[in-house]
Amino acid sequence: MFSPSLNMNTGDWSVGVAGYWFENGAVAHPVSEVTVAGNLLDIFARLRCGADVDTRGSLEIASLIVDDLAIGGV
């Protein structure tokens, strides 16, 4: 994640990201210079816990999934 932006009055949030594009649960291809945006209240309301658990460190935590975010630059 790079260059996050937050409007404290409205809760509108956006951030540039680089990573991997997933299709049908599998990595399809790498992406860069992609913008993800949404409203923080809406984002927190749509947070879901993933079914995977990462046990490599001292904390065991699952992925967090957010339904219906705006994605640009793909």
PDB file of N, CA and C in Angstrom:
ATOM      1  N   MET A   1       0.841  -1.162   0.000  1.00  0.00           N
ATOM      2  CA  MET A   1       0.000   0.000   0.000  1.00  0.00           C
ATOM      3  C   MET A   1       0.892   1.232   0.000  1.00  0.00           C
ATOM      4  N   PHE A   2       0.467   2.237  -0.770  1.00  0.00           N
ATOM      5  CA  PHE A   2       1.217   3.477  -0.808  1.00  0.00           C
ATOM      6  C   PHE A   2       0.287   4.649  -1.056  1.00  0.00           C
ATOM      7  N   SER A   3       0.639   5.804  -0.546  1.00  0.00           N
ATOM      8  CA  SER A   3      -0.088   7.066  -0.717  1.00  0.00           C
ATOM      9  C   SER A   3      -1.551   6.997  -0.295  1.00  0.00           C
ATOM     10  N   PRO A   4      -1.834   6.598   0.957  1.00  0.00           N
ATOM     11  CA  PRO A   4      -3.235   6.578   1.387  1.00  0.00           C
ATOM     12  C   PRO A   4      -3.794   7.984   1.525  1.00  0.00           C
ATOM     13  N   SER A   5      -5.093   8.115   1.312  1.00  0.00           N
ATOM     14  CA  SER A   5      -5.776   9.397   1.426  1.00  0.00           C
ATOM     15  C   SER A   5      -7.076   9.174   2.185  1.00  0.00           C
ATOM     16  N   LEU A   6      -7.358  10.033   3.171  1.00  0.00           N
ATOM     17  CA  LEU A   6      -8.577   9.924   3.957  1.00  0.00           C
ATOM     18  C   LEU A   6      -9.190  11.300   4.147  1.00  0.00           C
ATOM     19  N   ASN A   7     -10.481  11.434   3.834  1.00  0.00           N
ATOM     20  CA  ASN A   7     -11.229  12.639   4.132  1.00  0.00           C
ATOM     21  C   ASN A   7     -11.890  12.418   5.486  1.00  0.00           C
ATOM     22  N   MET A   8     -11.401  13.101   6.522  1.00  0.00           N
ATOM     23  CA  MET A   8     -11.893  12.895   7.882  1.00  0.00           C
ATOM     24  C   MET A   8     -13.346  13.334   8.054  1.00  0.00           C
ATOM     25  N   ASN A   9     -13.842  14.226   7.202  1.00  0.00           N
ATOM     26  CA  ASN A   9     -15.224  14.698   7.316  1.00  0.00           C
ATOM     27  C   ASN A   9     -16.227  13.694   6.763  1.00  0.00           C
ATOM     28  N   THR A  10     -15.895  13.032   5.664  1.00  0.00           N
ATOM     29  CA  THR A  10     -16.840  12.124   5.008  1.00  0.00           C
ATOM     30  C   THR A  10     -16.514  10.651   5.214  1.00  0.00           C
ATOM     31  N   GLY A  11     -15.266  10.345   5.564  1.00  0.00           N
ATOM     32  CA  GLY A  11     -14.845   8.953   5.704  1.00  0.00           C
ATOM     33  C   GLY A  11     -14.392   8.334   4.393  1.00  0.00           C
ATOM     34  N   ASP A  12     -14.358   9.116   3.314  1.00  0.00           N
ATOM     35  CA  ASP A  12     -13.899   8.590   2.029  1.00  0.00           C
ATOM     36  C   ASP A  12     -12.406   8.301   2.104  1.00  0.00           C
ATOM     37  N   TRP A  13     -12.023   7.131   1.596  1.00  0.00           N
ATOM     38  CA  TRP A  13     -10.660   6.649   1.723  1.00  0.00           C
ATOM     39  C   TRP A  13     -10.206   6.056   0.402  1.00  0.00           C
ATOM     40  N   SER A  14      -8.940   6.239   0.063  1.00  0.00           N
ATOM     41  CA  SER A  14      -8.368   5.588  -1.110  1.00  0.00           C
ATOM     42  C   SER A  14      -6.889   5.339  -0.861  1.00  0.00           C
ATOM     43  N   VAL A  15      -6.363   4.329  -1.552  1.00  0.00           N
ATOM     44  CA  VAL A  15      -4.959   3.974  -1.388  1.00  0.00           C
ATOM     45  C   VAL A  15      -4.479   3.290  -2.665  1.00  0.00           C
ATOM     46  N   GLY A  16      -3.226   3.523  -3.014  1.00  0.00           N
ATOM     47  CA  GLY A  16      -2.606   2.813  -4.125  1.00  0.00           C
ATOM     48  C   GLY A  16      -2.056   1.489  -3.631  1.00  0.00           C
ATOM     49  N   VAL A  17      -2.170   0.460  -4.438  1.00  0.00           N
ATOM     50  CA  VAL A  17      -1.700  -0.860  -4.029  1.00  0.00           C
ATOM     51  C   VAL A  17      -0.973  -1.564  -5.167  1.00  0.00           C
ATOM     52  N   ALA A  18      -0.197  -2.536  -4.799  1.00  0.00           N
ATOM     53  CA  ALA A  18       0.424  -3.468  -5.740  1.00  0.00           C
ATOM     54  C   ALA A  18       0.306  -4.848  -5.104  1.00  0.00           C
ATOM     55  N   GLY A  19       0.134  -5.863  -5.915  1.00  0.00           N
ATOM     56  CA  GLY A  19      -0.012  -7.208  -5.365  1.00  0.00           C
ATOM     57  C   GLY A  19      -0.411  -8.184  -6.449  1.00  0.00           C
ATOM     58  N   TYR A  20      -1.351  -9.051  -6.129  1.00  0.00           N
ATOM     59  CA  TYR A  20      -1.785 -10.088  -7.060  1.00  0.00           C
ATOM     60  C   TYR A  20      -3.290 -10.036  -7.269  1.00  0.00           C
ATOM     61  N   TRP A  21      -3.719 -10.262  -8.497  1.00  0.00           N
ATOM     62  CA  TRP A  21      -5.127 -10.337  -8.866  1.00  0.00           C
ATOM     63  C   TRP A  21      -5.546 -11.799  -8.749  1.00  0.00           C
ATOM     64  N   PHE A  22      -6.641 -12.032  -8.022  1.00  0.00           N
ATOM     65  CA  PHE A  22      -7.153 -13.389  -7.839  1.00  0.00           C
ATOM     66  C   PHE A  22      -8.413 -13.585  -8.666  1.00  0.00           C
ATOM     67  N   GLU A  23      -8.529 -14.732  -9.307  1.00  0.00           N
ATOM     68  CA  GLU A  23      -9.747 -15.146 -10.008  1.00  0.00           C
ATOM     69  C   GLU A  23     -10.053 -16.580  -9.617  1.00  0.00           C
ATOM     70  N   ASN A  24     -11.279 -16.826  -9.190  1.00  0.00           N
ATOM     71  CA  ASN A  24     -11.721 -18.162  -8.771  1.00  0.00           C
ATOM     72  C   ASN A  24     -10.811 -18.761  -7.699  1.00  0.00           C
ATOM     73  N   GLY A  25     -10.334 -17.925  -6.781  1.00  0.00           N
ATOM     74  CA  GLY A  25      -9.525 -18.410  -5.668  1.00  0.00           C
ATOM     75  C   GLY A  25      -8.072 -18.677  -5.972  1.00  0.00           C
ATOM     76  N   ALA A  26      -7.616 -18.351  -7.192  1.00  0.00           N
ATOM     77  CA  ALA A  26      -6.217 -18.594  -7.555  1.00  0.00           C
ATOM     78  C   ALA A  26      -5.579 -17.308  -8.078  1.00  0.00           C
ATOM     79  N   VAL A  27      -4.269 -17.181  -7.893  1.00  0.00           N
ATOM     80  CA  VAL A  27      -3.551 -16.012  -8.402  1.00  0.00           C
ATOM     81  C   VAL A  27      -3.593 -16.030  -9.919  1.00  0.00           C
ATOM     82  N   ALA A  28      -4.068 -14.913 -10.523  1.00  0.00           N
ATOM     83  CA  ALA A  28      -4.159 -14.824 -11.978  1.00  0.00           C
ATOM     84  C   ALA A  28      -2.946 -14.101 -12.564  1.00  0.00           C
ATOM     85  N   HIS A  29      -2.557 -12.968 -11.961  1.00  0.00           N
ATOM     86  CA  HIS A  29      -1.412 -12.201 -12.454  1.00  0.00           C
ATOM     87  C   HIS A  29      -1.071 -11.093 -11.461  1.00  0.00           C
ATOM     88  N   PRO A  30       0.164 -10.575 -11.503  1.00  0.00           N
ATOM     89  CA  PRO A  30       0.524  -9.466 -10.630  1.00  0.00           C
ATOM     90  C   PRO A  30      -0.091  -8.155 -11.136  1.00  0.00           C
ATOM     91  N   VAL A  31      -0.355  -7.226 -10.213  1.00  0.00           N
ATOM     92  CA  VAL A  31      -0.859  -5.897 -10.566  1.00  0.00           C
ATOM     93  C   VAL A  31      -0.040  -4.844  -9.833  1.00  0.00           C
ATOM     94  N   SER A  32       0.027  -3.647 -10.402  1.00  0.00           N
ATOM     95  CA  SER A  32       0.673  -2.515  -9.743  1.00  0.00           C
ATOM     96  C   SER A  32      -0.032  -1.242 -10.185  1.00  0.00           C
ATOM     97  N   GLU A  33       0.181  -0.162  -9.432  1.00  0.00           N
ATOM     98  CA  GLU A  33      -0.441   1.129  -9.708  1.00  0.00           C
ATOM     99  C   GLU A  33      -1.964   1.020  -9.788  1.00  0.00           C
ATOM    100  N   VAL A  34      -2.541   0.282  -8.836  1.00  0.00           N
ATOM    101  CA  VAL A  34      -3.982   0.094  -8.738  1.00  0.00           C
ATOM    102  C   VAL A  34      -4.477   0.923  -7.555  1.00  0.00           C
ATOM    103  N   THR A  35      -5.646   1.539  -7.686  1.00  0.00           N
ATOM    104  CA  THR A  35      -6.245   2.315  -6.609  1.00  0.00           C
ATOM    105  C   THR A  35      -7.459   1.584  -6.064  1.00  0.00           C
ATOM    106  N   VAL A  36      -7.518   1.467  -4.738  1.00  0.00           N
ATOM    107  CA  VAL A  36      -8.672   0.891  -4.050  1.00  0.00           C
ATOM    108  C   VAL A  36      -9.307   2.013  -3.250  1.00  0.00           C
ATOM    109  N   ALA A  37     -10.643   2.140  -3.329  1.00  0.00           N
ATOM    110  CA  ALA A  37     -11.318   3.257  -2.668  1.00  0.00           C
ATOM    111  C   ALA A  37     -12.648   2.830  -2.081  1.00  0.00           C
ATOM    112  N   GLY A  38     -13.097   3.578  -1.084  1.00  0.00           N
ATOM    113  CA  GLY A  38     -14.398   3.338  -0.473  1.00  0.00           C
ATOM    114  C   GLY A  38     -14.607   4.280   0.694  1.00  0.00           C
ATOM    115  N   ASN A  39     -15.721   4.099   1.388  1.00  0.00           N
ATOM    116  CA  ASN A  39     -16.032   4.876   2.574  1.00  0.00           C
ATOM    117  C   ASN A  39     -15.741   3.994   3.786  1.00  0.00           C
ATOM    118  N   LEU A  40     -15.010   4.515   4.769  1.00  0.00           N
ATOM    119  CA  LEU A  40     -14.575   3.696   5.901  1.00  0.00           C
ATOM    120  C   LEU A  40     -15.734   3.058   6.658  1.00  0.00           C
ATOM    121  N   LEU A  41     -16.824   3.786   6.861  1.00  0.00           N
ATOM    122  CA  LEU A  41     -17.965   3.200   7.569  1.00  0.00           C
ATOM    123  C   LEU A  41     -18.547   2.028   6.788  1.00  0.00           C
ATOM    124  N   ASP A  42     -18.634   2.175   5.468  1.00  0.00           N
ATOM    125  CA  ASP A  42     -19.123   1.084   4.621  1.00  0.00           C
ATOM    126  C   ASP A  42     -18.142  -0.086   4.612  1.00  0.00           C
ATOM    127  N   ILE A  43     -16.848   0.222   4.555  1.00  0.00           N
ATOM    128  CA  ILE A  43     -15.822  -0.817   4.535  1.00  0.00           C
ATOM    129  C   ILE A  43     -15.879  -1.640   5.821  1.00  0.00           C
ATOM    130  N   PHE A  44     -15.929  -0.977   6.971  1.00  0.00           N
ATOM    131  CA  PHE A  44     -15.974  -1.699   8.249  1.00  0.00           C
ATOM    132  C   PHE A  44     -17.250  -2.524   8.376  1.00  0.00           C
ATOM    133  N   ALA A  45     -18.360  -2.041   7.824  1.00  0.00           N
ATOM    134  CA  ALA A  45     -19.620  -2.782   7.885  1.00  0.00           C
ATOM    135  C   ALA A  45     -19.568  -4.046   7.027  1.00  0.00           C
ATOM    136  N   ARG A  46     -18.718  -4.064   5.990  1.00  0.00           N
ATOM    137  CA  ARG A  46     -18.653  -5.207   5.080  1.00  0.00           C
ATOM    138  C   ARG A  46     -17.446  -6.115   5.321  1.00  0.00           C
ATOM    139  N   LEU A  47     -16.711  -5.909   6.410  1.00  0.00           N
ATOM    140  CA  LEU A  47     -15.565  -6.770   6.725  1.00  0.00           C
ATOM    141  C   LEU A  47     -16.020  -8.187   7.033  1.00  0.00           C
ATOM    142  N   ARG A  48     -15.339  -9.147   6.452  1.00  0.00           N
ATOM    143  CA  ARG A  48     -15.616 -10.562   6.693  1.00  0.00           C
ATOM    144  C   ARG A  48     -14.283 -11.247   7.011  1.00  0.00           C
ATOM    145  N   CYS A  49     -14.341 -12.255   7.825  1.00  0.00           N
ATOM    146  CA  CYS A  49     -13.159 -13.024   8.167  1.00  0.00           C
ATOM    147  C   CYS A  49     -13.007 -14.167   7.175  1.00  0.00           C
ATOM    148  N   GLY A  50     -11.796 -14.354   6.650  1.00  0.00           N
ATOM    149  CA  GLY A  50     -11.536 -15.438   5.705  1.00  0.00           C
ATOM    150  C   GLY A  50     -11.476 -16.791   6.402  1.00  0.00           C
ATOM    151  N   ALA A  51     -11.447 -17.858   5.613  1.00  0.00           N
ATOM    152  CA  ALA A  51     -11.422 -19.216   6.148  1.00  0.00           C
ATOM    153  C   ALA A  51     -10.006 -19.716   6.408  1.00  0.00           C
ATOM    154  N   ASP A  52      -9.002 -18.960   5.948  1.00  0.00           N
ATOM    155  CA  ASP A  52      -7.618 -19.388   6.146  1.00  0.00           C
ATOM    156  C   ASP A  52      -7.077 -18.823   7.461  1.00  0.00           C
ATOM    157  N   VAL A  53      -6.133 -19.499   8.062  1.00  0.00           N
ATOM    158  CA  VAL A  53      -5.476 -19.007   9.268  1.00  0.00           C
ATOM    159  C   VAL A  53      -3.976 -19.132   9.061  1.00  0.00           C
ATOM    160  N   ASP A  54      -3.263 -18.014   9.254  1.00  0.00           N
ATOM    161  CA  ASP A  54      -1.814 -17.998   9.118  1.00  0.00           C
ATOM    162  C   ASP A  54      -1.204 -18.297  10.483  1.00  0.00           C
ATOM    163  N   THR A  55      -0.493 -19.394  10.588  1.00  0.00           N
ATOM    164  CA  THR A  55       0.082 -19.808  11.872  1.00  0.00           C
ATOM    165  C   THR A  55       1.607 -19.712  11.888  1.00  0.00           C
ATOM    166  N   ARG A  56       2.183 -18.934  10.975  1.00  0.00           N
ATOM    167  CA  ARG A  56       3.643 -18.873  10.891  1.00  0.00           C
ATOM    168  C   ARG A  56       4.276 -18.098  12.036  1.00  0.00           C
ATOM    169  N   GLY A  57       3.558 -17.161  12.645  1.00  0.00           N
ATOM    170  CA  GLY A  57       4.123 -16.356  13.720  1.00  0.00           C
ATOM    171  C   GLY A  57       3.479 -16.664  15.058  1.00  0.00           C
ATOM    172  N   SER A  58       3.632 -15.748  16.000  1.00  0.00           N
ATOM    173  CA  SER A  58       3.065 -15.955  17.324  1.00  0.00           C
ATOM    174  C   SER A  58       1.565 -15.664  17.366  1.00  0.00           C
ATOM    175  N   LEU A  59       1.051 -14.948  16.363  1.00  0.00           N
ATOM    176  CA  LEU A  59      -0.383 -14.678  16.267  1.00  0.00           C
ATOM    177  C   LEU A  59      -1.005 -15.557  15.199  1.00  0.00           C
ATOM    178  N   GLU A  60      -2.184 -16.053  15.460  1.00  0.00           N
ATOM    179  CA  GLU A  60      -2.927 -16.811  14.455  1.00  0.00           C
ATOM    180  C   GLU A  60      -4.081 -15.938  14.002  1.00  0.00           C
ATOM    181  N   ILE A  61      -4.065 -15.537  12.736  1.00  0.00           N
ATOM    182  CA  ILE A  61      -5.067 -14.604  12.235  1.00  0.00           C
ATOM    183  C   ILE A  61      -5.477 -14.994  10.820  1.00  0.00           C
ATOM    184  N   ALA A  62      -6.732 -14.828  10.530  1.00  0.00           N
ATOM    185  CA  ALA A  62      -7.254 -15.124   9.194  1.00  0.00           C
ATOM    186  C   ALA A  62      -7.210 -13.870   8.326  1.00  0.00           C
ATOM    187  N   SER A  63      -7.357 -14.060   7.027  1.00  0.00           N
ATOM    188  CA  SER A  63      -7.442 -12.931   6.100  1.00  0.00           C
ATOM    189  C   SER A  63      -8.715 -12.144   6.357  1.00  0.00           C
ATOM    190  N   LEU A  64      -8.675 -10.853   6.067  1.00  0.00           N
ATOM    191  CA  LEU A  64      -9.873 -10.027   6.137  1.00  0.00           C
ATOM    192  C   LEU A  64     -10.341  -9.741   4.720  1.00  0.00           C
ATOM    193  N   ILE A  65     -11.615  -9.907   4.484  1.00  0.00           N
ATOM    194  CA  ILE A  65     -12.198  -9.717   3.162  1.00  0.00           C
ATOM    195  C   ILE A  65     -13.205  -8.584   3.248  1.00  0.00           C
ATOM    196  N   VAL A  66     -13.182  -7.672   2.266  1.00  0.00           N
ATOM    197  CA  VAL A  66     -14.158  -6.586   2.191  1.00  0.00           C
ATOM    198  C   VAL A  66     -14.910  -6.722   0.878  1.00  0.00           C
ATOM    199  N   ASP A  67     -16.223  -6.862   0.949  1.00  0.00           N
ATOM    200  CA  ASP A  67     -17.057  -6.954  -0.248  1.00  0.00           C
ATOM    201  C   ASP A  67     -17.223  -5.578  -0.881  1.00  0.00           C
ATOM    202  N   ASP A  68     -17.209  -5.521  -2.205  1.00  0.00           N
ATOM    203  CA  ASP A  68     -17.647  -4.355  -2.974  1.00  0.00           C
ATOM    204  C   ASP A  68     -16.814  -3.093  -2.782  1.00  0.00           C
ATOM    205  N   LEU A  69     -15.504  -3.187  -2.995  1.00  0.00           N
ATOM    206  CA  LEU A  69     -14.648  -2.006  -3.012  1.00  0.00           C
ATOM    207  C   LEU A  69     -14.462  -1.550  -4.451  1.00  0.00           C
ATOM    208  N   ALA A  70     -14.301  -0.249  -4.649  1.00  0.00           N
ATOM    209  CA  ALA A  70     -14.017   0.277  -5.977  1.00  0.00           C
ATOM    210  C   ALA A  70     -12.541   0.063  -6.286  1.00  0.00           C
ATOM    211  N   ILE A  71     -12.251  -0.477  -7.473  1.00  0.00           N
ATOM    212  CA  ILE A  71     -10.876  -0.732  -7.896  1.00  0.00           C
ATOM    213  C   ILE A  71     -10.664  -0.053  -9.223  1.00  0.00           C
ATOM    214  N   GLY A  72      -9.600   0.740  -9.351  1.00  0.00           N
ATOM    215  CA  GLY A  72      -9.308   1.430 -10.598  1.00  0.00           C
ATOM    216  C   GLY A  72      -7.873   1.190 -11.030  1.00  0.00           C
ATOM    217  N   GLY A  73      -7.623   1.270 -12.320  1.00  0.00           N
ATOM    218  CA  GLY A  73      -6.271   1.123 -12.849  1.00  0.00           C
ATOM    219  C   GLY A  73      -5.908  -0.285 -13.226  1.00  0.00           C
ATOM    220  N   VAL A  74      -6.877  -1.197 -13.249  1.00  0.00           N
ATOM    221  CA  VAL A  74      -6.591  -2.594 -13.557  1.00  0.00           C
ATOM    222  C   VAL A  74      -6.602  -2.795 -15.058  1.00  0.00           C
TER     223      VAL A  74
END
